[in-house]
Amino acid sequence: MEDGLVVTRVLFSLPIIKKETLGQMIEAILSSHLSRYPAMQIQDVYKLLHQAALGSEHAVTSLDSARNWLLREMAEMGEGPPEPLIDPISPGGKIVRVHLRPFLAAGHDPDVLLDAFVRTANEHHGDVHLLEQFWQAATVTSKFPALEMEELFRTMKAQNYPPVHHSPEYEKLYRPAYRVVAGVFCPDTWL
């Protein structure tokens, strides 16, 4: 306590962002993804923004299952589209997708990625209000009809914002293979 103020350290907090700035950041993220993945569906936009706001906490049930999933996916993923190693999916790069193909091509250690993924799942506490803000910004700026966006989000909200899989089109065309991690857990050697 300093001069009557309580000072606390908040992990992964976002600064207060003006709505137009948040909208511009979400628009830039969506634009980047739509340029690389033009067959994205509304479901894929929801998945992207869900991960951006809530991280990967739903994806880790145990360390062994997370390790087995990662190693199996790396062994079976095959070819895919060109992708960056680190793909910021939230404003300021708080949350990123680490794409497995460029990760392996660069010779990085899967155990370091596993640690970053598990730490994110355990230490990053997502915010549904942030997901709502991201979705509102996406509804205004995306290529999808606003009514369809609103309908999907209403459905997801009624179900307490569950994680979803990529759309079948996205899966077939892009063969996604990545892990969602907090940017602070990415070693400098990945950047």
C-alpha atoms as a PDB file:
ATOM      1  CA  MET A   1       0.000   0.000   0.000  1.00  0.00           C
ATOM      2  CA  GLU A   2       1.394   3.318  -1.097  1.00  0.00           C
ATOM      3  CA  ASP A   3      -0.312   6.667  -0.352  1.00  0.00           C
ATOM      4  CA  GLY A   4      -3.566   4.869   0.341  1.00  0.00           C
ATOM      5  CA  LEU A   5      -3.401   2.902  -2.913  1.00  0.00           C
ATOM      6  CA  VAL A   6      -3.207  -0.843  -3.113  1.00  0.00           C
ATOM      7  CA  VAL A   7      -0.722  -1.878  -5.760  1.00  0.00           C
ATOM      8  CA  THR A   8      -1.161  -5.312  -7.300  1.00  0.00           C
ATOM      9  CA  ARG A   9       0.485  -7.064 -10.193  1.00  0.00           C
ATOM     10  CA  VAL A  10      -1.981  -8.401 -12.705  1.00  0.00           C
ATOM     11  CA  LEU A  11      -0.785 -11.073 -15.093  1.00  0.00           C
ATOM     12  CA  PHE A  12      -2.009 -10.804 -18.709  1.00  0.00           C
ATOM     13  CA  SER A  13      -4.193  -7.764 -18.187  1.00  0.00           C
ATOM     14  CA  LEU A  14      -5.030  -5.658 -21.191  1.00  0.00           C
ATOM     15  CA  PRO A  15      -4.784  -1.913 -20.898  1.00  0.00           C
ATOM     16  CA  ILE A  16      -7.986   0.021 -21.341  1.00  0.00           C
ATOM     17  CA  ILE A  17      -8.320   0.361 -25.080  1.00  0.00           C
ATOM     18  CA  LYS A  18     -10.445   2.843 -26.957  1.00  0.00           C
ATOM     19  CA  LYS A  19     -13.174   1.045 -28.884  1.00  0.00           C
ATOM     20  CA  GLU A  20     -11.964   2.330 -32.245  1.00  0.00           C
ATOM     21  CA  THR A  21      -8.440   1.181 -31.437  1.00  0.00           C
ATOM     22  CA  LEU A  22      -9.681  -2.254 -30.359  1.00  0.00           C
ATOM     23  CA  GLY A  23     -11.768  -2.439 -33.518  1.00  0.00           C
ATOM     24  CA  GLN A  24      -8.752  -1.548 -35.636  1.00  0.00           C
ATOM     25  CA  MET A  25      -6.630  -4.202 -33.928  1.00  0.00           C
ATOM     26  CA  ILE A  26      -9.278  -6.912 -34.347  1.00  0.00           C
ATOM     27  CA  GLU A  27      -9.776  -5.832 -37.955  1.00  0.00           C
ATOM     28  CA  ALA A  28      -6.026  -6.172 -38.587  1.00  0.00           C
ATOM     29  CA  ILE A  29      -5.939  -9.647 -36.999  1.00  0.00           C
ATOM     30  CA  LEU A  30      -8.980 -10.792 -38.987  1.00  0.00           C
ATOM     31  CA  SER A  31      -7.639  -9.258 -42.194  1.00  0.00           C
ATOM     32  CA  SER A  32      -4.371 -11.119 -41.744  1.00  0.00           C
ATOM     33  CA  HIS A  33      -6.179 -14.412 -41.193  1.00  0.00           C
ATOM     34  CA  LEU A  34      -8.661 -13.917 -44.016  1.00  0.00           C
ATOM     35  CA  SER A  35      -5.835 -13.141 -46.438  1.00  0.00           C
ATOM     36  CA  ARG A  36      -4.075 -16.398 -45.487  1.00  0.00           C
ATOM     37  CA  TYR A  37      -7.255 -18.434 -44.997  1.00  0.00           C
ATOM     38  CA  PRO A  38      -9.863 -17.000 -47.402  1.00  0.00           C
ATOM     39  CA  ALA A  39     -12.211 -19.952 -46.829  1.00  0.00           C
ATOM     40  CA  MET A  40     -12.592 -19.079 -43.124  1.00  0.00           C
ATOM     41  CA  GLN A  41     -16.136 -19.478 -41.887  1.00  0.00           C
ATOM     42  CA  ILE A  42     -17.886 -17.629 -39.061  1.00  0.00           C
ATOM     43  CA  GLN A  43     -17.147 -20.631 -36.841  1.00  0.00           C
ATOM     44  CA  ASP A  44     -13.417 -20.130 -37.509  1.00  0.00           C
ATOM     45  CA  VAL A  45     -13.679 -16.454 -36.591  1.00  0.00           C
ATOM     46  CA  TYR A  46     -15.356 -17.448 -33.333  1.00  0.00           C
ATOM     47  CA  LYS A  47     -12.594 -20.002 -32.640  1.00  0.00           C
ATOM     48  CA  LEU A  48      -9.899 -17.392 -33.338  1.00  0.00           C
ATOM     49  CA  LEU A  49     -11.474 -14.784 -31.065  1.00  0.00           C
ATOM     50  CA  HIS A  50     -12.325 -17.360 -28.392  1.00  0.00           C
ATOM     51  CA  GLN A  51      -8.663 -18.341 -28.273  1.00  0.00           C
ATOM     52  CA  ALA A  52      -7.581 -14.681 -28.328  1.00  0.00           C
ATOM     53  CA  ALA A  53      -9.744 -13.837 -25.316  1.00  0.00           C
ATOM     54  CA  LEU A  54      -9.752 -17.081 -23.340  1.00  0.00           C
ATOM     55  CA  GLY A  55      -6.454 -18.731 -24.250  1.00  0.00           C
ATOM     56  CA  SER A  56      -6.032 -22.491 -24.054  1.00  0.00           C
ATOM     57  CA  GLU A  57      -7.324 -23.312 -20.593  1.00  0.00           C
ATOM     58  CA  HIS A  58      -9.902 -25.757 -21.982  1.00  0.00           C
ATOM     59  CA  ALA A  59      -7.297 -27.732 -23.928  1.00  0.00           C
ATOM     60  CA  VAL A  60      -5.162 -29.201 -21.144  1.00  0.00           C
ATOM     61  CA  THR A  61      -6.592 -32.014 -19.059  1.00  0.00           C
ATOM     62  CA  SER A  62      -3.223 -33.446 -17.999  1.00  0.00           C
ATOM     63  CA  LEU A  63       0.433 -32.984 -18.828  1.00  0.00           C
ATOM     64  CA  ASP A  64       0.678 -36.493 -20.303  1.00  0.00           C
ATOM     65  CA  SER A  65      -2.342 -36.053 -22.553  1.00  0.00           C
ATOM     66  CA  ALA A  66      -1.071 -32.621 -23.698  1.00  0.00           C
ATOM     67  CA  ARG A  67       2.367 -34.125 -24.487  1.00  0.00           C
ATOM     68  CA  ASN A  68       0.875 -37.105 -26.342  1.00  0.00           C
ATOM     69  CA  TRP A  69      -1.466 -34.854 -28.331  1.00  0.00           C
ATOM     70  CA  LEU A  70       1.402 -32.540 -29.331  1.00  0.00           C
ATOM     71  CA  LEU A  71       3.751 -35.356 -30.366  1.00  0.00           C
ATOM     72  CA  ARG A  72       1.007 -37.199 -32.263  1.00  0.00           C
ATOM     73  CA  GLU A  73      -0.030 -34.044 -34.095  1.00  0.00           C
ATOM     74  CA  MET A  74       3.569 -33.208 -35.014  1.00  0.00           C
ATOM     75  CA  ALA A  75       4.035 -36.721 -36.404  1.00  0.00           C
ATOM     76  CA  GLU A  76       0.751 -36.768 -38.361  1.00  0.00           C
ATOM     77  CA  MET A  77       0.142 -33.173 -39.500  1.00  0.00           C
ATOM     78  CA  GLY A  78       1.653 -33.470 -42.985  1.00  0.00           C
ATOM     79  CA  GLU A  79       1.933 -30.508 -45.349  1.00  0.00           C
ATOM     80  CA  GLY A  80       0.016 -27.276 -44.953  1.00  0.00           C
ATOM     81  CA  PRO A  81      -0.040 -23.679 -46.141  1.00  0.00           C
ATOM     82  CA  PRO A  82       2.818 -21.274 -45.452  1.00  0.00           C
ATOM     83  CA  GLU A  83       2.411 -19.851 -41.964  1.00  0.00           C
ATOM     84  CA  PRO A  84       4.414 -17.718 -39.575  1.00  0.00           C
ATOM     85  CA  LEU A  85       5.977 -19.435 -36.590  1.00  0.00           C
ATOM     86  CA  ILE A  86       4.370 -16.934 -34.214  1.00  0.00           C
ATOM     87  CA  ASP A  87       0.913 -15.661 -35.140  1.00  0.00           C
ATOM     88  CA  PRO A  88      -0.442 -12.977 -32.765  1.00  0.00           C
ATOM     89  CA  ILE A  89      -4.191 -13.479 -32.399  1.00  0.00           C
ATOM     90  CA  SER A  90      -4.999 -10.891 -29.742  1.00  0.00           C
ATOM     91  CA  PRO A  91      -4.252  -7.182 -29.520  1.00  0.00           C
ATOM     92  CA  GLY A  92      -0.673  -6.599 -28.467  1.00  0.00           C
ATOM     93  CA  GLY A  93       0.256 -10.261 -28.985  1.00  0.00           C
ATOM     94  CA  LYS A  94      -0.914 -11.272 -25.515  1.00  0.00           C
ATOM     95  CA  ILE A  95      -2.050 -14.580 -27.031  1.00  0.00           C
ATOM     96  CA  VAL A  96      -0.435 -16.191 -30.076  1.00  0.00           C
ATOM     97  CA  ARG A  97      -0.746 -19.320 -32.145  1.00  0.00           C
ATOM     98  CA  VAL A  98       2.551 -21.168 -32.488  1.00  0.00           C
ATOM     99  CA  HIS A  99       2.281 -23.008 -35.809  1.00  0.00           C
ATOM    100  CA  LEU A 100       3.791 -26.484 -35.601  1.00  0.00           C
ATOM    101  CA  ARG A 101       5.145 -26.812 -39.156  1.00  0.00           C
ATOM    102  CA  PRO A 102       7.457 -23.779 -39.003  1.00  0.00           C
ATOM    103  CA  PHE A 103       8.204 -24.639 -35.361  1.00  0.00           C
ATOM    104  CA  LEU A 104       9.571 -28.051 -36.352  1.00  0.00           C
ATOM    105  CA  ALA A 105      11.252 -26.697 -39.497  1.00  0.00           C
ATOM    106  CA  ALA A 106      13.198 -24.260 -37.307  1.00  0.00           C
ATOM    107  CA  GLY A 107      14.356 -27.143 -35.093  1.00  0.00           C
ATOM    108  CA  HIS A 108      12.739 -25.902 -31.892  1.00  0.00           C
ATOM    109  CA  ASP A 109      12.277 -28.149 -28.859  1.00  0.00           C
ATOM    110  CA  PRO A 110       8.718 -29.547 -28.468  1.00  0.00           C
ATOM    111  CA  ASP A 111       9.173 -29.662 -24.681  1.00  0.00           C
ATOM    112  CA  VAL A 112       9.613 -25.887 -24.587  1.00  0.00           C
ATOM    113  CA  LEU A 113       6.392 -25.461 -26.569  1.00  0.00           C
ATOM    114  CA  LEU A 114       4.605 -27.944 -24.321  1.00  0.00           C
ATOM    115  CA  ASP A 115       5.721 -25.968 -21.267  1.00  0.00           C
ATOM    116  CA  ALA A 116       4.493 -22.678 -22.779  1.00  0.00           C
ATOM    117  CA  PHE A 117       1.172 -24.272 -23.725  1.00  0.00           C
ATOM    118  CA  VAL A 118       0.587 -25.816 -20.289  1.00  0.00           C
ATOM    119  CA  ARG A 119       1.693 -22.651 -18.475  1.00  0.00           C
ATOM    120  CA  THR A 120      -0.758 -20.654 -20.571  1.00  0.00           C
ATOM    121  CA  ALA A 121      -3.567 -23.079 -19.765  1.00  0.00           C
ATOM    122  CA  ASN A 122      -2.758 -22.913 -16.041  1.00  0.00           C
ATOM    123  CA  GLU A 123      -1.796 -19.263 -15.604  1.00  0.00           C
ATOM    124  CA  HIS A 124      -3.742 -17.274 -18.184  1.00  0.00           C
ATOM    125  CA  HIS A 125      -7.240 -16.491 -17.035  1.00  0.00           C
ATOM    126  CA  GLY A 126      -9.418 -15.567 -19.967  1.00  0.00           C
ATOM    127  CA  ASP A 127     -12.167 -12.998 -19.925  1.00  0.00           C
ATOM    128  CA  VAL A 128     -15.574 -13.541 -21.548  1.00  0.00           C
ATOM    129  CA  HIS A 129     -16.158  -9.790 -21.499  1.00  0.00           C
ATOM    130  CA  LEU A 130     -13.072  -9.447 -23.667  1.00  0.00           C
ATOM    131  CA  LEU A 131     -14.454 -12.113 -26.006  1.00  0.00           C
ATOM    132  CA  GLU A 132     -17.660 -10.077 -26.238  1.00  0.00           C
ATOM    133  CA  GLN A 133     -15.664  -6.942 -27.096  1.00  0.00           C
ATOM    134  CA  PHE A 134     -13.609  -8.790 -29.700  1.00  0.00           C
ATOM    135  CA  TRP A 135     -16.772 -10.249 -31.239  1.00  0.00           C
ATOM    136  CA  GLN A 136     -18.477  -6.862 -31.377  1.00  0.00           C
ATOM    137  CA  ALA A 137     -15.452  -5.421 -33.165  1.00  0.00           C
ATOM    138  CA  ALA A 138     -15.380  -8.389 -35.556  1.00  0.00           C
ATOM    139  CA  THR A 139     -19.087  -8.053 -36.328  1.00  0.00           C
ATOM    140  CA  VAL A 140     -18.522  -4.492 -37.481  1.00  0.00           C
ATOM    141  CA  THR A 141     -15.368  -5.184 -39.487  1.00  0.00           C
ATOM    142  CA  SER A 142     -15.687  -8.699 -40.893  1.00  0.00           C
ATOM    143  CA  LYS A 143     -16.739  -9.933 -44.320  1.00  0.00           C
ATOM    144  CA  PHE A 144     -19.562 -11.982 -42.806  1.00  0.00           C
ATOM    145  CA  PRO A 145     -23.167 -10.782 -42.539  1.00  0.00           C
ATOM    146  CA  ALA A 146     -23.764  -9.115 -39.174  1.00  0.00           C
ATOM    147  CA  LEU A 147     -26.995 -11.055 -38.585  1.00  0.00           C
ATOM    148  CA  GLU A 148     -25.206 -14.388 -39.018  1.00  0.00           C
ATOM    149  CA  MET A 149     -22.416 -13.215 -36.712  1.00  0.00           C
ATOM    150  CA  GLU A 150     -24.937 -12.151 -34.075  1.00  0.00           C
ATOM    151  CA  GLU A 151     -26.853 -15.432 -34.369  1.00  0.00           C
ATOM    152  CA  LEU A 152     -23.753 -17.568 -33.841  1.00  0.00           C
ATOM    153  CA  PHE A 153     -22.603 -15.472 -30.914  1.00  0.00           C
ATOM    154  CA  ARG A 154     -26.026 -15.574 -29.278  1.00  0.00           C
ATOM    155  CA  THR A 155     -25.918 -19.373 -29.557  1.00  0.00           C
ATOM    156  CA  MET A 156     -22.408 -19.531 -28.089  1.00  0.00           C
ATOM    157  CA  LYS A 157     -23.334 -17.173 -25.256  1.00  0.00           C
ATOM    158  CA  ALA A 158     -26.355 -19.340 -24.365  1.00  0.00           C
ATOM    159  CA  GLN A 159     -23.896 -22.252 -24.059  1.00  0.00           C
ATOM    160  CA  ASN A 160     -21.422 -20.251 -21.900  1.00  0.00           C
ATOM    161  CA  TYR A 161     -19.000 -19.650 -24.771  1.00  0.00           C
ATOM    162  CA  PRO A 162     -17.744 -23.180 -25.452  1.00  0.00           C
ATOM    163  CA  PRO A 163     -14.609 -23.845 -27.472  1.00  0.00           C
ATOM    164  CA  VAL A 164     -15.337 -25.117 -30.990  1.00  0.00           C
ATOM    165  CA  HIS A 165     -13.464 -26.960 -33.709  1.00  0.00           C
ATOM    166  CA  HIS A 166     -12.491 -25.362 -36.980  1.00  0.00           C
ATOM    167  CA  SER A 167     -15.082 -25.626 -39.738  1.00  0.00           C
ATOM    168  CA  PRO A 168     -14.789 -28.670 -42.025  1.00  0.00           C
ATOM    169  CA  GLU A 169     -13.796 -26.361 -44.914  1.00  0.00           C
ATOM    170  CA  TYR A 170     -10.984 -24.828 -42.878  1.00  0.00           C
ATOM    171  CA  GLU A 171      -9.777 -28.233 -41.677  1.00  0.00           C
ATOM    172  CA  LYS A 172      -9.724 -29.669 -45.203  1.00  0.00           C
ATOM    173  CA  LEU A 173      -8.017 -26.737 -46.912  1.00  0.00           C
ATOM    174  CA  TYR A 174      -5.563 -25.566 -44.258  1.00  0.00           C
ATOM    175  CA  ARG A 175      -4.896 -28.572 -42.002  1.00  0.00           C
ATOM    176  CA  PRO A 176      -4.365 -26.361 -38.923  1.00  0.00           C
ATOM    177  CA  ALA A 177      -1.630 -27.448 -36.528  1.00  0.00           C
ATOM    178  CA  TYR A 178      -0.740 -25.027 -33.750  1.00  0.00           C
ATOM    179  CA  ARG A 179      -0.738 -24.409 -30.020  1.00  0.00           C
ATOM    180  CA  VAL A 180      -2.233 -21.363 -28.343  1.00  0.00           C
ATOM    181  CA  VAL A 181       0.143 -19.757 -25.871  1.00  0.00           C
ATOM    182  CA  ALA A 182       0.598 -16.497 -24.019  1.00  0.00           C
ATOM    183  CA  GLY A 183       3.117 -14.323 -25.849  1.00  0.00           C
ATOM    184  CA  VAL A 184       5.145 -13.836 -22.665  1.00  0.00           C
ATOM    185  CA  PHE A 185       5.918 -17.567 -22.639  1.00  0.00           C
ATOM    186  CA  CYS A 186       7.482 -17.524 -26.119  1.00  0.00           C
ATOM    187  CA  PRO A 187      11.265 -17.634 -25.851  1.00  0.00           C
ATOM    188  CA  ASP A 188      13.182 -14.931 -27.725  1.00  0.00           C
ATOM    189  CA  THR A 189      14.601 -17.617 -30.014  1.00  0.00           C
ATOM    190  CA  TRP A 190      11.094 -18.096 -31.484  1.00  0.00           C
ATOM    191  CA  LEU A 191      10.690 -14.424 -32.379  1.00  0.00           C
END
